[in-house]
């Protein structure tokens, strides 16, 4: 459970830093996200989730 809280904190830290350093680029990136098809977004999210799971699995073992 401690690792999950650390991971969530790291996620918030990275997101916050990106918005603080590059606010205009982040806004334009979010606008471009509307142009992406739902299936492409779903596939990309699934790929990143699997990659993240594999990384966590290898680090924990």
PDB file of N, CA and C in Angstrom:
ATOM      1  N   UNK A   1       0.820  -1.191   0.000  1.00  0.00           N
ATOM      2  CA  UNK A   1       0.000   0.000   0.000  1.00  0.00           C
ATOM      3  C   UNK A   1       0.867   1.259   0.000  1.00  0.00           C
ATOM      4  N   UNK A   2       1.994   1.185   0.702  1.00  0.00           N
ATOM      5  CA  UNK A   2       2.897   2.326   0.761  1.00  0.00           C
ATOM      6  C   UNK A   2       3.428   2.668  -0.634  1.00  0.00           C
ATOM      7  N   UNK A   3       3.733   1.635  -1.434  1.00  0.00           N
ATOM      8  CA  UNK A   3       4.242   1.866  -2.781  1.00  0.00           C
ATOM      9  C   UNK A   3       3.201   2.526  -3.672  1.00  0.00           C
ATOM     10  N   UNK A   4       1.930   2.149  -3.480  1.00  0.00           N
ATOM     11  CA  UNK A   4       0.853   2.744  -4.268  1.00  0.00           C
ATOM     12  C   UNK A   4       0.719   4.234  -3.970  1.00  0.00           C
ATOM     13  N   UNK A   5       0.830   4.595  -2.708  1.00  0.00           N
ATOM     14  CA  UNK A   5       0.748   6.000  -2.325  1.00  0.00           C
ATOM     15  C   UNK A   5       1.943   6.774  -2.879  1.00  0.00           C
ATOM     16  N   UNK A   6       3.122   6.173  -2.837  1.00  0.00           N
ATOM     17  CA  UNK A   6       4.314   6.810  -3.399  1.00  0.00           C
ATOM     18  C   UNK A   6       4.155   6.996  -4.903  1.00  0.00           C
ATOM     19  N   UNK A   7       3.639   5.970  -5.586  1.00  0.00           N
ATOM     20  CA  UNK A   7       3.442   6.056  -7.035  1.00  0.00           C
ATOM     21  C   UNK A   7       2.446   7.153  -7.379  1.00  0.00           C
ATOM     22  N   UNK A   8       1.376   7.261  -6.622  1.00  0.00           N
ATOM     23  CA  UNK A   8       0.380   8.307  -6.862  1.00  0.00           C
ATOM     24  C   UNK A   8       0.975   9.690  -6.618  1.00  0.00           C
ATOM     25  N   UNK A   9       1.758   9.821  -5.568  1.00  0.00           N
ATOM     26  CA  UNK A   9       2.432  11.092  -5.298  1.00  0.00           C
ATOM     27  C   UNK A   9       3.400  11.466  -6.402  1.00  0.00           C
ATOM     28  N   UNK A  10       4.124  10.488  -6.921  1.00  0.00           N
ATOM     29  CA  UNK A  10       5.050  10.742  -8.028  1.00  0.00           C
ATOM     30  C   UNK A  10       4.292  11.160  -9.279  1.00  0.00           C
ATOM     31  N   UNK A  11       3.164  10.517  -9.541  1.00  0.00           N
ATOM     32  CA  UNK A  11       2.318  10.897 -10.676  1.00  0.00           C
ATOM     33  C   UNK A  11       1.872  12.354 -10.558  1.00  0.00           C
ATOM     34  N   UNK A  12       1.378  12.728  -9.380  1.00  0.00           N
ATOM     35  CA  UNK A  12       0.930  14.107  -9.169  1.00  0.00           C
ATOM     36  C   UNK A  12       2.084  15.097  -9.295  1.00  0.00           C
ATOM     37  N   UNK A  13       3.249  14.718  -8.803  1.00  0.00           N
ATOM     38  CA  UNK A  13       4.418  15.583  -8.893  1.00  0.00           C
ATOM     39  C   UNK A  13       4.793  15.835 -10.348  1.00  0.00           C
ATOM     40  N   UNK A  14       4.870  14.765 -11.136  1.00  0.00           N
ATOM     41  CA  UNK A  14       5.260  14.908 -12.543  1.00  0.00           C
ATOM     42  C   UNK A  14       4.229  15.730 -13.309  1.00  0.00           C
ATOM     43  N   UNK A  15       2.946  15.449 -13.098  1.00  0.00           N
ATOM     44  CA  UNK A  15       1.900  16.226 -13.768  1.00  0.00           C
ATOM     45  C   UNK A  15       1.980  17.700 -13.363  1.00  0.00           C
ATOM     46  N   UNK A  16       2.154  17.953 -12.091  1.00  0.00           N
ATOM     47  CA  UNK A  16       2.218  19.330 -11.617  1.00  0.00           C
ATOM     48  C   UNK A  16       3.408  20.091 -12.188  1.00  0.00           C
ATOM     49  N   UNK A  17       4.547  19.437 -12.244  1.00  0.00           N
ATOM     50  CA  UNK A  17       5.750  20.073 -12.803  1.00  0.00           C
ATOM     51  C   UNK A  17       5.541  20.418 -14.274  1.00  0.00           C
ATOM     52  N   UNK A  18       4.944  19.488 -15.032  1.00  0.00           N
ATOM     53  CA  UNK A  18       4.710  19.750 -16.453  1.00  0.00           C
ATOM     54  C   UNK A  18       3.797  20.953 -16.651  1.00  0.00           C
ATOM     55  N   UNK A  19       2.718  21.037 -15.875  1.00  0.00           N
ATOM     56  CA  UNK A  19       1.812  22.183 -15.997  1.00  0.00           C
ATOM     57  C   UNK A  19       2.454  23.470 -15.507  1.00  0.00           C
ATOM     58  N   UNK A  20       3.326  23.400 -14.526  1.00  0.00           N
ATOM     59  CA  UNK A  20       3.976  24.599 -14.000  1.00  0.00           C
ATOM     60  C   UNK A  20       5.036  25.133 -14.956  1.00  0.00           C
ATOM     61  N   UNK A  21       5.780  24.232 -15.599  1.00  0.00           N
ATOM     62  CA  UNK A  21       6.867  24.667 -16.477  1.00  0.00           C
ATOM     63  C   UNK A  21       6.372  24.995 -17.885  1.00  0.00           C
ATOM     64  N   UNK A  22       5.424  24.204 -18.399  1.00  0.00           N
ATOM     65  CA  UNK A  22       4.949  24.364 -19.784  1.00  0.00           C
ATOM     66  C   UNK A  22       3.433  24.544 -19.841  1.00  0.00           C
ATOM     67  N   UNK A  23       2.882  25.597 -19.248  1.00  0.00           N
ATOM     68  CA  UNK A  23       1.417  25.712 -19.222  1.00  0.00           C
ATOM     69  C   UNK A  23       0.790  25.847 -20.610  1.00  0.00           C
ATOM     70  N   UNK A  24       1.378  26.639 -21.486  1.00  0.00           N
ATOM     71  CA  UNK A  24       0.773  26.831 -22.814  1.00  0.00           C
ATOM     72  C   UNK A  24       0.901  25.572 -23.671  1.00  0.00           C
ATOM     73  N   UNK A  25       2.023  24.869 -23.567  1.00  0.00           N
ATOM     74  CA  UNK A  25       2.186  23.635 -24.334  1.00  0.00           C
ATOM     75  C   UNK A  25       1.228  22.551 -23.850  1.00  0.00           C
ATOM     76  N   UNK A  26       0.987  22.495 -22.546  1.00  0.00           N
ATOM     77  CA  UNK A  26       0.053  21.504 -22.008  1.00  0.00           C
ATOM     78  C   UNK A  26      -1.377  21.805 -22.474  1.00  0.00           C
ATOM     79  N   UNK A  27      -1.745  23.087 -22.538  1.00  0.00           N
ATOM     80  CA  UNK A  27      -3.076  23.446 -23.018  1.00  0.00           C
ATOM     81  C   UNK A  27      -3.243  23.078 -24.477  1.00  0.00           C
ATOM     82  N   UNK A  28      -2.225  23.325 -25.288  1.00  0.00           N
ATOM     83  CA  UNK A  28      -2.338  22.975 -26.704  1.00  0.00           C
ATOM     84  C   UNK A  28      -2.353  21.463 -26.894  1.00  0.00           C
ATOM     85  N   UNK A  29      -1.624  20.740 -26.066  1.00  0.00           N
ATOM     86  CA  UNK A  29      -1.622  19.281 -26.164  1.00  0.00           C
ATOM     87  C   UNK A  29      -3.006  18.727 -25.807  1.00  0.00           C
ATOM     88  N   UNK A  30      -3.646  19.299 -24.795  1.00  0.00           N
ATOM     89  CA  UNK A  30      -4.983  18.836 -24.420  1.00  0.00           C
ATOM     90  C   UNK A  30      -6.005  19.142 -25.507  1.00  0.00           C
ATOM     91  N   UNK A  31      -5.839  20.253 -26.206  1.00  0.00           N
ATOM     92  CA  UNK A  31      -6.737  20.569 -27.324  1.00  0.00           C
ATOM     93  C   UNK A  31      -6.555  19.571 -28.461  1.00  0.00           C
ATOM     94  N   UNK A  32      -5.321  19.160 -28.724  1.00  0.00           N
ATOM     95  CA  UNK A  32      -5.052  18.192 -29.789  1.00  0.00           C
ATOM     96  C   UNK A  32      -5.585  16.811 -29.428  1.00  0.00           C
ATOM     97  N   UNK A  33      -5.732  16.548 -28.150  1.00  0.00           N
ATOM     98  CA  UNK A  33      -6.230  15.247 -27.697  1.00  0.00           C
ATOM     99  C   UNK A  33      -7.665  15.012 -28.155  1.00  0.00           C
ATOM    100  N   UNK A  34      -8.420  16.086 -28.367  1.00  0.00           N
ATOM    101  CA  UNK A  34      -9.793  15.946 -28.850  1.00  0.00           C
ATOM    102  C   UNK A  34      -9.848  15.380 -30.257  1.00  0.00           C
ATOM    103  N   UNK A  35      -8.774  15.526 -31.019  1.00  0.00           N
ATOM    104  CA  UNK A  35      -8.741  15.049 -32.402  1.00  0.00           C
ATOM    105  C   UNK A  35      -8.438  13.560 -32.504  1.00  0.00           C
ATOM    106  N   UNK A  36      -8.003  12.948 -31.432  1.00  0.00           N
ATOM    107  CA  UNK A  36      -7.642  11.533 -31.439  1.00  0.00           C
ATOM    108  C   UNK A  36      -8.907  10.691 -31.296  1.00  0.00           C
ATOM    109  N   UNK A  37      -9.003   9.632 -32.098  1.00  0.00           N
ATOM    110  CA  UNK A  37     -10.147   8.721 -32.010  1.00  0.00           C
ATOM    111  C   UNK A  37     -10.151   8.010 -30.666  1.00  0.00           C
ATOM    112  N   UNK A  38     -11.352   7.636 -30.218  1.00  0.00           N
ATOM    113  CA  UNK A  38     -11.478   6.926 -28.947  1.00  0.00           C
ATOM    114  C   UNK A  38     -10.740   5.591 -28.976  1.00  0.00           C
ATOM    115  N   UNK A  39     -10.801   4.900 -30.100  1.00  0.00           N
ATOM    116  CA  UNK A  39     -10.135   3.594 -30.189  1.00  0.00           C
ATOM    117  C   UNK A  39      -8.619   3.747 -30.109  1.00  0.00           C
ATOM    118  N   UNK A  40      -8.077   4.789 -30.717  1.00  0.00           N
ATOM    119  CA  UNK A  40      -6.631   5.038 -30.634  1.00  0.00           C
ATOM    120  C   UNK A  40      -6.231   5.386 -29.213  1.00  0.00           C
ATOM    121  N   UNK A  41      -7.046   6.192 -28.556  1.00  0.00           N
ATOM    122  CA  UNK A  41      -6.759   6.585 -27.181  1.00  0.00           C
ATOM    123  C   UNK A  41      -6.838   5.379 -26.250  1.00  0.00           C
ATOM    124  N   UNK A  42      -7.832   4.522 -26.475  1.00  0.00           N
ATOM    125  CA  UNK A  42      -7.995   3.318 -25.668  1.00  0.00           C
ATOM    126  C   UNK A  42      -6.811   2.375 -25.877  1.00  0.00           C
ATOM    127  N   UNK A  43      -6.400   2.194 -27.137  1.00  0.00           N
ATOM    128  CA  UNK A  43      -5.263   1.314 -27.431  1.00  0.00           C
ATOM    129  C   UNK A  43      -3.977   1.842 -26.801  1.00  0.00           C
ATOM    130  N   UNK A  44      -3.742   3.138 -26.919  1.00  0.00           N
ATOM    131  CA  UNK A  44      -2.557   3.733 -26.319  1.00  0.00           C
ATOM    132  C   UNK A  44      -2.552   3.594 -24.816  1.00  0.00           C
ATOM    133  N   UNK A  45      -3.702   3.819 -24.199  1.00  0.00           N
ATOM    134  CA  UNK A  45      -3.804   3.667 -22.747  1.00  0.00           C
ATOM    135  C   UNK A  45      -3.549   2.241 -22.301  1.00  0.00           C
ATOM    136  N   UNK A  46      -4.080   1.289 -23.066  1.00  0.00           N
ATOM    137  CA  UNK A  46      -3.862  -0.118 -22.735  1.00  0.00           C
ATOM    138  C   UNK A  46      -2.396  -0.505 -22.874  1.00  0.00           C
ATOM    139  N   UNK A  47      -1.751  -0.015 -23.928  1.00  0.00           N
ATOM    140  CA  UNK A  47      -0.328  -0.306 -24.135  1.00  0.00           C
ATOM    141  C   UNK A  47       0.504   0.251 -22.987  1.00  0.00           C
ATOM    142  N   UNK A  48       0.239   1.493 -22.586  1.00  0.00           N
ATOM    143  CA  UNK A  48       0.994   2.090 -21.485  1.00  0.00           C
ATOM    144  C   UNK A  48       0.716   1.379 -20.163  1.00  0.00           C
ATOM    145  N   UNK A  49      -0.533   0.933 -19.962  1.00  0.00           N
ATOM    146  CA  UNK A  49      -0.852   0.200 -18.738  1.00  0.00           C
ATOM    147  C   UNK A  49      -0.089  -1.118 -18.688  1.00  0.00           C
ATOM    148  N   UNK A  50      -0.007  -1.821 -19.810  1.00  0.00           N
ATOM    149  CA  UNK A  50       0.723  -3.093 -19.850  1.00  0.00           C
ATOM    150  C   UNK A  50       2.212  -2.857 -19.618  1.00  0.00           C
ATOM    151  N   UNK A  51       2.761  -1.839 -20.258  1.00  0.00           N
ATOM    152  CA  UNK A  51       4.180  -1.520 -20.058  1.00  0.00           C
ATOM    153  C   UNK A  51       4.443  -1.180 -18.592  1.00  0.00           C
ATOM    154  N   UNK A  52       3.575  -0.383 -17.993  1.00  0.00           N
ATOM    155  CA  UNK A  52       3.727  -0.043 -16.579  1.00  0.00           C
ATOM    156  C   UNK A  52       3.642  -1.261 -15.688  1.00  0.00           C
ATOM    157  N   UNK A  53       2.717  -2.172 -15.997  1.00  0.00           N
ATOM    158  CA  UNK A  53       2.598  -3.397 -15.217  1.00  0.00           C
ATOM    159  C   UNK A  53       3.858  -4.246 -15.323  1.00  0.00           C
ATOM    160  N   UNK A  54       4.397  -4.362 -16.533  1.00  0.00           N
ATOM    161  CA  UNK A  54       5.621  -5.150 -16.736  1.00  0.00           C
ATOM    162  C   UNK A  54       6.786  -4.546 -15.949  1.00  0.00           C
ATOM    163  N   UNK A  55       6.917  -3.231 -15.974  1.00  0.00           N
ATOM    164  CA  UNK A  55       7.994  -2.569 -15.238  1.00  0.00           C
ATOM    165  C   UNK A  55       7.837  -2.840 -13.742  1.00  0.00           C
ATOM    166  N   UNK A  56       6.621  -2.679 -13.227  1.00  0.00           N
ATOM    167  CA  UNK A  56       6.380  -2.922 -11.801  1.00  0.00           C
ATOM    168  C   UNK A  56       6.668  -4.382 -11.453  1.00  0.00           C
ATOM    169  N   UNK A  57       6.248  -5.307 -12.312  1.00  0.00           N
ATOM    170  CA  UNK A  57       6.449  -6.728 -12.064  1.00  0.00           C
ATOM    171  C   UNK A  57       7.936  -7.058 -11.958  1.00  0.00           C
ATOM    172  N   UNK A  58       8.738  -6.527 -12.885  1.00  0.00           N
ATOM    173  CA  UNK A  58      10.175  -6.830 -12.858  1.00  0.00           C
ATOM    174  C   UNK A  58      10.894  -6.149 -11.696  1.00  0.00           C
ATOM    175  N   UNK A  59      10.440  -4.982 -11.305  1.00  0.00           N
ATOM    176  CA  UNK A  59      11.078  -4.306 -10.176  1.00  0.00           C
ATOM    177  C   UNK A  59      10.763  -5.023  -8.871  1.00  0.00           C
ATOM    178  N   UNK A  60       9.519  -5.498  -8.725  1.00  0.00           N
ATOM    179  CA  UNK A  60       9.115  -6.154  -7.484  1.00  0.00           C
ATOM    180  C   UNK A  60       9.729  -7.555  -7.335  1.00  0.00           C
ATOM    181  N   UNK A  61      10.117  -8.196  -8.446  1.00  0.00           N
ATOM    182  CA  UNK A  61      10.684  -9.562  -8.364  1.00  0.00           C
ATOM    183  C   UNK A  61      12.173  -9.575  -8.487  1.00  0.00           C
TER     184      UNK A  61
END
